[in-house]
Amino acid sequence: FFLPVVAAVRAQVQQEPFLETTEGTGINISCSHPNKQMEDFIHFYRHLPGRGPEHLAGTSRRSKDLLEMAEHLWMSEDRQSSALWLDRPRRGDAAVYYCALGD
């Protein structure tokens, strides 16, 4: 199945436009944010068809602390990239995944 990925509108965030995996095969949804400021949060959202966006994981302000799905969110030491790991995706996980950078 396919996992469309869309970068959030804020221009400093870049993602692969499209990812594909098979059911049960883990996948990384990566996000590049080279202009991330120390005070910026980084968040990942999933938008399933016919539903509103769902917050999956994020970082807290000015620290490397991770919120919610912490074991599934990775951030580089220089904080310029991050990735959300989907461990065993199923067909029901096919959605648009957003990476967002903000206050």
Protein backbone atom coordinates (compact mmCIF):
# COMPACT_ATOMS: atom_id res chain seq x y z
CA PHE A 1 0.00 0.00 0.00
CA PHE A 2 1.04 3.60 -0.43
CA LEU A 3 1.74 6.29 2.17
CA PRO A 4 1.47 9.76 0.64
CA VAL A 5 3.57 12.23 2.58
CA VAL A 6 3.09 15.98 2.44
CA ALA A 7 5.37 18.61 3.96
CA ALA A 8 3.63 21.20 6.09
CA VAL A 9 3.24 24.58 4.42
CA ARG A 10 6.01 26.26 6.40
CA ALA A 11 8.77 26.30 3.79
CA GLN A 12 11.63 25.13 5.98
CA VAL A 13 10.23 21.57 6.14
CA GLN A 14 10.88 18.99 3.44
CA GLN A 15 9.60 15.41 3.12
CA GLU A 16 9.63 12.66 0.57
CA PRO A 17 6.48 13.16 -1.53
CA PHE A 18 5.56 9.48 -1.57
CA LEU A 19 6.48 6.33 0.37
CA GLU A 20 5.49 2.74 -0.19
CA THR A 21 5.69 -0.34 2.02
CA THR A 22 4.05 -3.71 2.41
CA GLU A 23 1.78 -4.57 5.29
CA GLY A 24 3.80 -5.37 8.41
CA THR A 25 7.06 -3.95 7.05
CA GLY A 26 8.31 -1.00 9.12
CA ILE A 27 8.96 2.32 7.45
CA ASN A 28 10.59 5.65 8.36
CA ILE A 29 8.81 8.88 7.45
CA SER A 30 11.64 11.38 7.39
CA CYS A 31 11.52 15.15 7.64
CA SER A 32 14.26 17.68 6.98
CA HIS A 33 14.15 21.05 8.78
CA PRO A 34 17.58 22.68 8.37
CA ASN A 35 16.34 26.11 9.52
CA LYS A 36 14.71 24.84 12.72
CA GLN A 37 15.10 27.34 15.54
CA MET A 38 15.71 26.22 19.12
CA GLU A 39 12.23 27.35 20.16
CA ASP A 40 10.47 25.47 17.35
CA PHE A 41 8.52 22.29 17.93
CA ILE A 42 8.54 19.45 15.40
CA HIS A 43 5.36 17.38 15.06
CA PHE A 44 4.06 14.55 12.94
CA TYR A 45 0.40 14.21 11.96
CA ARG A 46 -1.60 11.60 10.09
CA HIS A 47 -4.64 12.47 7.98
CA LEU A 48 -6.84 9.47 7.22
CA PRO A 49 -9.45 9.78 4.45
CA GLY A 50 -12.69 11.31 5.72
CA ARG A 51 -11.22 12.31 9.10
CA GLY A 52 -9.39 15.24 10.60
CA PRO A 53 -5.60 15.30 11.13
CA GLU A 54 -4.38 13.25 14.11
CA HIS A 55 -1.32 14.24 16.12
CA LEU A 56 1.08 11.28 16.35
CA ALA A 57 4.28 12.57 17.95
CA GLY A 58 6.22 15.69 18.71
CA THR A 59 9.09 17.34 20.54
CA SER A 60 8.83 19.78 23.39
CA ARG A 61 10.26 23.29 23.44
CA ARG A 62 14.03 23.81 23.86
CA SER A 63 14.77 20.22 24.74
CA LYS A 64 15.18 16.81 23.21
CA ASP A 65 12.22 15.50 25.20
CA LEU A 66 9.73 13.69 23.01
CA LEU A 67 5.99 13.55 23.51
CA GLU A 68 3.55 10.68 23.02
CA MET A 69 4.97 8.05 20.63
CA ALA A 70 8.48 8.84 21.87
CA GLU A 71 9.94 5.46 20.96
CA HIS A 72 8.82 6.03 17.38
CA LEU A 73 10.24 9.53 16.89
CA TRP A 74 13.90 10.21 16.18
CA MET A 75 15.70 13.54 15.85
CA SER A 76 19.24 14.10 14.67
CA GLU A 77 21.81 15.45 17.11
CA ASP A 78 21.96 18.75 15.20
CA ARG A 79 18.11 18.90 15.21
CA GLN A 80 18.02 19.47 11.43
CA SER A 81 16.13 16.28 10.60
CA SER A 82 13.72 13.89 12.24
CA ALA A 83 11.82 10.74 11.40
CA LEU A 84 8.69 8.93 12.50
CA TRP A 85 9.02 5.14 12.57
CA LEU A 86 5.92 3.09 11.77
CA ASP A 87 6.73 -0.30 13.25
CA ARG A 88 4.16 -2.63 11.67
CA PRO A 89 1.95 -0.58 9.36
CA ARG A 90 -1.35 -2.04 8.19
CA ARG A 91 -3.56 -1.08 5.30
CA GLY A 92 -5.55 1.09 7.68
CA ASP A 93 -2.45 3.23 8.20
CA ALA A 94 -2.48 4.37 4.56
CA ALA A 95 -2.89 8.12 4.95
CA VAL A 96 -1.24 11.46 4.31
CA TYR A 97 1.52 12.04 6.87
CA TYR A 98 2.56 15.60 7.69
CA CYS A 99 5.66 16.93 9.34
CA ALA A 100 5.13 20.36 10.88
CA LEU A 101 7.52 22.90 12.37
CA GLY A 102 6.17 25.66 14.57
CA ASP A 103 5.80 27.41 17.91
